[in-house]
Amino acid sequence: MDMLGLIPGAVTPLGLLNDLGRRVSFWLDSSFLDSPGLIGVHPNDNTATVWLKTADLLRLLREHGTQIALFEA
C-alpha cells in the first residue's frame, strides 16, 4: 500500500505507475515476449483482468521510469 497504492492481495504491474519514487523494480520472465506476446494484468484491483501486449506494458513502465529486468527461466 505504501509504495504502490494497492490494497493487500491486489498484485499487478500496473501498480508500479503509482510508485512516484521509482523504488520498486519490475522483474519479468522473457518468455512473456514470445508469441503471442500477451500478459494478463489486474487494473489495480482483482475484479478484472486486462490483456496487454507485453511490449506495450514494458514500454509504459519504462516511460514511467520503472527499472525493468528480463530473465530467462
N, C-alpha and C. Protein backbone atom coordinates (compact mmCIF):
# COMPACT_ATOMS: atom_id res chain seq x y z
N MET A 1 0.82 -1.19 0.00
CA MET A 1 0.00 0.00 0.00
C MET A 1 0.87 1.26 0.00
N ASP A 2 1.91 1.26 0.82
CA ASP A 2 2.75 2.46 0.93
C ASP A 2 3.49 2.78 -0.36
N MET A 3 3.96 1.75 -1.05
CA MET A 3 4.80 2.00 -2.23
C MET A 3 4.01 2.01 -3.53
N LEU A 4 3.00 1.13 -3.64
CA LEU A 4 2.29 1.00 -4.91
C LEU A 4 0.84 1.46 -4.86
N GLY A 5 0.37 1.82 -3.66
CA GLY A 5 -1.00 2.29 -3.55
C GLY A 5 -2.04 1.21 -3.82
N LEU A 6 -1.69 -0.05 -3.59
CA LEU A 6 -2.59 -1.17 -3.85
C LEU A 6 -3.08 -1.76 -2.54
N ILE A 7 -4.30 -2.27 -2.55
CA ILE A 7 -4.81 -2.97 -1.37
C ILE A 7 -4.13 -4.33 -1.28
N PRO A 8 -4.02 -4.90 -0.09
CA PRO A 8 -3.41 -6.23 0.05
C PRO A 8 -4.08 -7.26 -0.87
N GLY A 9 -3.27 -8.03 -1.55
CA GLY A 9 -3.77 -9.05 -2.46
C GLY A 9 -3.94 -8.58 -3.89
N ALA A 10 -3.90 -7.29 -4.13
CA ALA A 10 -4.05 -6.76 -5.49
C ALA A 10 -2.67 -6.64 -6.12
N VAL A 11 -2.21 -7.73 -6.67
CA VAL A 11 -0.88 -7.77 -7.27
C VAL A 11 -0.99 -7.48 -8.76
N THR A 12 -0.34 -6.43 -9.22
CA THR A 12 -0.39 -6.06 -10.63
C THR A 12 0.79 -5.16 -10.97
N PRO A 13 1.39 -5.37 -12.13
CA PRO A 13 2.47 -4.46 -12.53
C PRO A 13 1.98 -3.04 -12.78
N LEU A 14 0.68 -2.87 -13.00
CA LEU A 14 0.17 -1.51 -13.21
C LEU A 14 0.29 -0.66 -11.94
N GLY A 15 0.38 -1.30 -10.79
CA GLY A 15 0.61 -0.58 -9.55
C GLY A 15 1.93 0.17 -9.54
N LEU A 16 2.86 -0.26 -10.37
CA LEU A 16 4.15 0.44 -10.45
C LEU A 16 3.99 1.88 -10.92
N LEU A 17 2.91 2.18 -11.60
CA LEU A 17 2.66 3.55 -12.04
C LEU A 17 2.35 4.47 -10.86
N ASN A 18 1.98 3.89 -9.72
CA ASN A 18 1.75 4.67 -8.50
C ASN A 18 3.03 4.90 -7.71
N ASP A 19 4.11 4.27 -8.09
CA ASP A 19 5.39 4.38 -7.39
C ASP A 19 6.13 5.62 -7.88
N LEU A 20 5.76 6.76 -7.32
CA LEU A 20 6.33 8.02 -7.79
C LEU A 20 7.82 8.14 -7.50
N GLY A 21 8.30 7.43 -6.49
CA GLY A 21 9.72 7.45 -6.17
C GLY A 21 10.54 6.43 -6.95
N ARG A 22 9.86 5.63 -7.79
CA ARG A 22 10.52 4.58 -8.59
C ARG A 22 11.41 3.71 -7.71
N ARG A 23 10.84 3.24 -6.58
CA ARG A 23 11.59 2.43 -5.62
C ARG A 23 11.49 0.93 -5.91
N VAL A 24 10.51 0.54 -6.72
CA VAL A 24 10.26 -0.88 -6.97
C VAL A 24 10.68 -1.21 -8.40
N SER A 25 11.45 -2.28 -8.56
CA SER A 25 11.85 -2.77 -9.89
C SER A 25 10.86 -3.84 -10.36
N PHE A 26 10.78 -4.00 -11.66
CA PHE A 26 9.90 -5.00 -12.26
C PHE A 26 10.75 -6.09 -12.89
N TRP A 27 10.55 -7.33 -12.44
CA TRP A 27 11.25 -8.49 -12.98
C TRP A 27 10.24 -9.32 -13.75
N LEU A 28 10.60 -9.70 -14.98
CA LEU A 28 9.68 -10.44 -15.83
C LEU A 28 10.42 -11.54 -16.58
N ASP A 29 9.83 -12.70 -16.62
CA ASP A 29 10.37 -13.80 -17.42
C ASP A 29 10.26 -13.41 -18.89
N SER A 30 11.35 -13.49 -19.61
CA SER A 30 11.38 -13.06 -21.01
C SER A 30 10.45 -13.88 -21.91
N SER A 31 9.99 -15.04 -21.44
CA SER A 31 9.07 -15.84 -22.27
C SER A 31 7.74 -15.12 -22.49
N PHE A 32 7.42 -14.12 -21.67
CA PHE A 32 6.20 -13.34 -21.91
C PHE A 32 6.29 -12.53 -23.20
N LEU A 33 7.49 -12.37 -23.75
CA LEU A 33 7.65 -11.67 -25.02
C LEU A 33 7.45 -12.60 -26.22
N ASP A 34 7.47 -13.91 -25.97
CA ASP A 34 7.26 -14.89 -27.04
C ASP A 34 5.82 -14.82 -27.53
N SER A 35 5.59 -15.31 -28.74
CA SER A 35 4.25 -15.33 -29.32
C SER A 35 3.29 -16.05 -28.39
N PRO A 36 2.14 -15.51 -28.10
CA PRO A 36 1.51 -14.34 -28.73
C PRO A 36 1.94 -13.00 -28.13
N GLY A 37 2.81 -13.01 -27.12
CA GLY A 37 3.32 -11.76 -26.56
C GLY A 37 2.29 -10.99 -25.74
N LEU A 38 1.42 -11.71 -25.06
CA LEU A 38 0.39 -11.07 -24.24
C LEU A 38 0.61 -11.38 -22.77
N ILE A 39 0.15 -10.47 -21.93
CA ILE A 39 0.22 -10.66 -20.49
C ILE A 39 -1.09 -10.15 -19.89
N GLY A 40 -1.65 -10.93 -18.97
CA GLY A 40 -2.87 -10.52 -18.29
C GLY A 40 -2.52 -9.84 -16.98
N VAL A 41 -3.07 -8.67 -16.75
CA VAL A 41 -2.81 -7.92 -15.52
C VAL A 41 -4.13 -7.44 -14.93
N HIS A 42 -4.12 -7.20 -13.63
CA HIS A 42 -5.30 -6.63 -12.97
C HIS A 42 -5.21 -5.11 -13.03
N PRO A 43 -6.35 -4.43 -13.20
CA PRO A 43 -6.35 -2.96 -13.24
C PRO A 43 -6.37 -2.35 -11.84
N ASN A 44 -5.35 -2.66 -11.06
CA ASN A 44 -5.14 -2.16 -9.69
C ASN A 44 -6.13 -2.70 -8.67
N ASP A 45 -6.90 -3.69 -9.02
CA ASP A 45 -7.66 -4.50 -8.07
C ASP A 45 -7.89 -5.86 -8.74
N ASN A 46 -8.44 -6.79 -8.02
CA ASN A 46 -8.57 -8.14 -8.56
C ASN A 46 -9.96 -8.44 -9.11
N THR A 47 -10.67 -7.43 -9.60
CA THR A 47 -12.02 -7.64 -10.09
C THR A 47 -12.08 -7.90 -11.59
N ALA A 48 -10.97 -7.72 -12.27
CA ALA A 48 -10.95 -7.91 -13.73
C ALA A 48 -9.52 -8.20 -14.17
N THR A 49 -9.41 -8.69 -15.38
CA THR A 49 -8.10 -8.90 -16.00
C THR A 49 -8.08 -8.16 -17.33
N VAL A 50 -7.02 -7.44 -17.57
CA VAL A 50 -6.81 -6.72 -18.82
C VAL A 50 -5.67 -7.41 -19.54
N TRP A 51 -5.86 -7.72 -20.80
CA TRP A 51 -4.79 -8.34 -21.60
C TRP A 51 -4.08 -7.26 -22.39
N LEU A 52 -2.77 -7.20 -22.21
CA LEU A 52 -1.93 -6.21 -22.90
C LEU A 52 -0.85 -6.93 -23.69
N LYS A 53 -0.38 -6.26 -24.73
CA LYS A 53 0.85 -6.75 -25.37
C LYS A 53 1.97 -6.52 -24.36
N THR A 54 2.77 -7.55 -24.16
CA THR A 54 3.85 -7.44 -23.18
C THR A 54 4.77 -6.27 -23.51
N ALA A 55 5.07 -6.08 -24.78
CA ALA A 55 5.95 -4.98 -25.18
C ALA A 55 5.34 -3.63 -24.82
N ASP A 56 4.01 -3.50 -24.93
CA ASP A 56 3.35 -2.24 -24.56
C ASP A 56 3.44 -1.99 -23.06
N LEU A 57 3.26 -3.05 -22.26
CA LEU A 57 3.40 -2.90 -20.82
C LEU A 57 4.81 -2.45 -20.45
N LEU A 58 5.80 -3.09 -21.04
CA LEU A 58 7.19 -2.72 -20.75
C LEU A 58 7.48 -1.28 -21.18
N ARG A 59 6.95 -0.88 -22.33
CA ARG A 59 7.16 0.50 -22.79
C ARG A 59 6.52 1.49 -21.81
N LEU A 60 5.31 1.21 -21.35
CA LEU A 60 4.62 2.07 -20.39
C LEU A 60 5.42 2.20 -19.10
N LEU A 61 5.91 1.07 -18.59
CA LEU A 61 6.68 1.11 -17.35
C LEU A 61 8.00 1.83 -17.54
N ARG A 62 8.65 1.63 -18.68
CA ARG A 62 9.91 2.35 -18.95
C ARG A 62 9.68 3.85 -19.04
N GLU A 63 8.59 4.25 -19.71
CA GLU A 63 8.27 5.68 -19.81
C GLU A 63 8.02 6.29 -18.44
N HIS A 64 7.50 5.49 -17.53
CA HIS A 64 7.27 5.94 -16.15
C HIS A 64 8.59 6.05 -15.38
N GLY A 65 9.61 5.33 -15.84
CA GLY A 65 10.91 5.35 -15.16
C GLY A 65 11.17 4.14 -14.29
N THR A 66 10.32 3.13 -14.40
CA THR A 66 10.49 1.90 -13.63
C THR A 66 11.67 1.10 -14.18
N GLN A 67 12.52 0.62 -13.28
CA GLN A 67 13.61 -0.27 -13.69
C GLN A 67 13.01 -1.64 -14.03
N ILE A 68 13.41 -2.19 -15.18
CA ILE A 68 12.90 -3.46 -15.65
C ILE A 68 14.06 -4.42 -15.84
N ALA A 69 13.87 -5.65 -15.37
CA ALA A 69 14.85 -6.71 -15.57
C ALA A 69 14.14 -7.89 -16.21
N LEU A 70 14.64 -8.33 -17.35
CA LEU A 70 14.12 -9.52 -18.01
C LEU A 70 15.06 -10.67 -17.70
N PHE A 71 14.48 -11.83 -17.41
CA PHE A 71 15.31 -13.00 -17.14
C PHE A 71 14.73 -14.19 -17.86
N GLU A 72 15.57 -15.19 -18.06
CA GLU A 72 15.15 -16.44 -18.69
C GLU A 72 15.09 -17.53 -17.64
N ALA A 73 13.97 -18.21 -17.60
CA ALA A 73 13.78 -19.29 -16.62
C ALA A 73 14.54 -20.52 -17.04
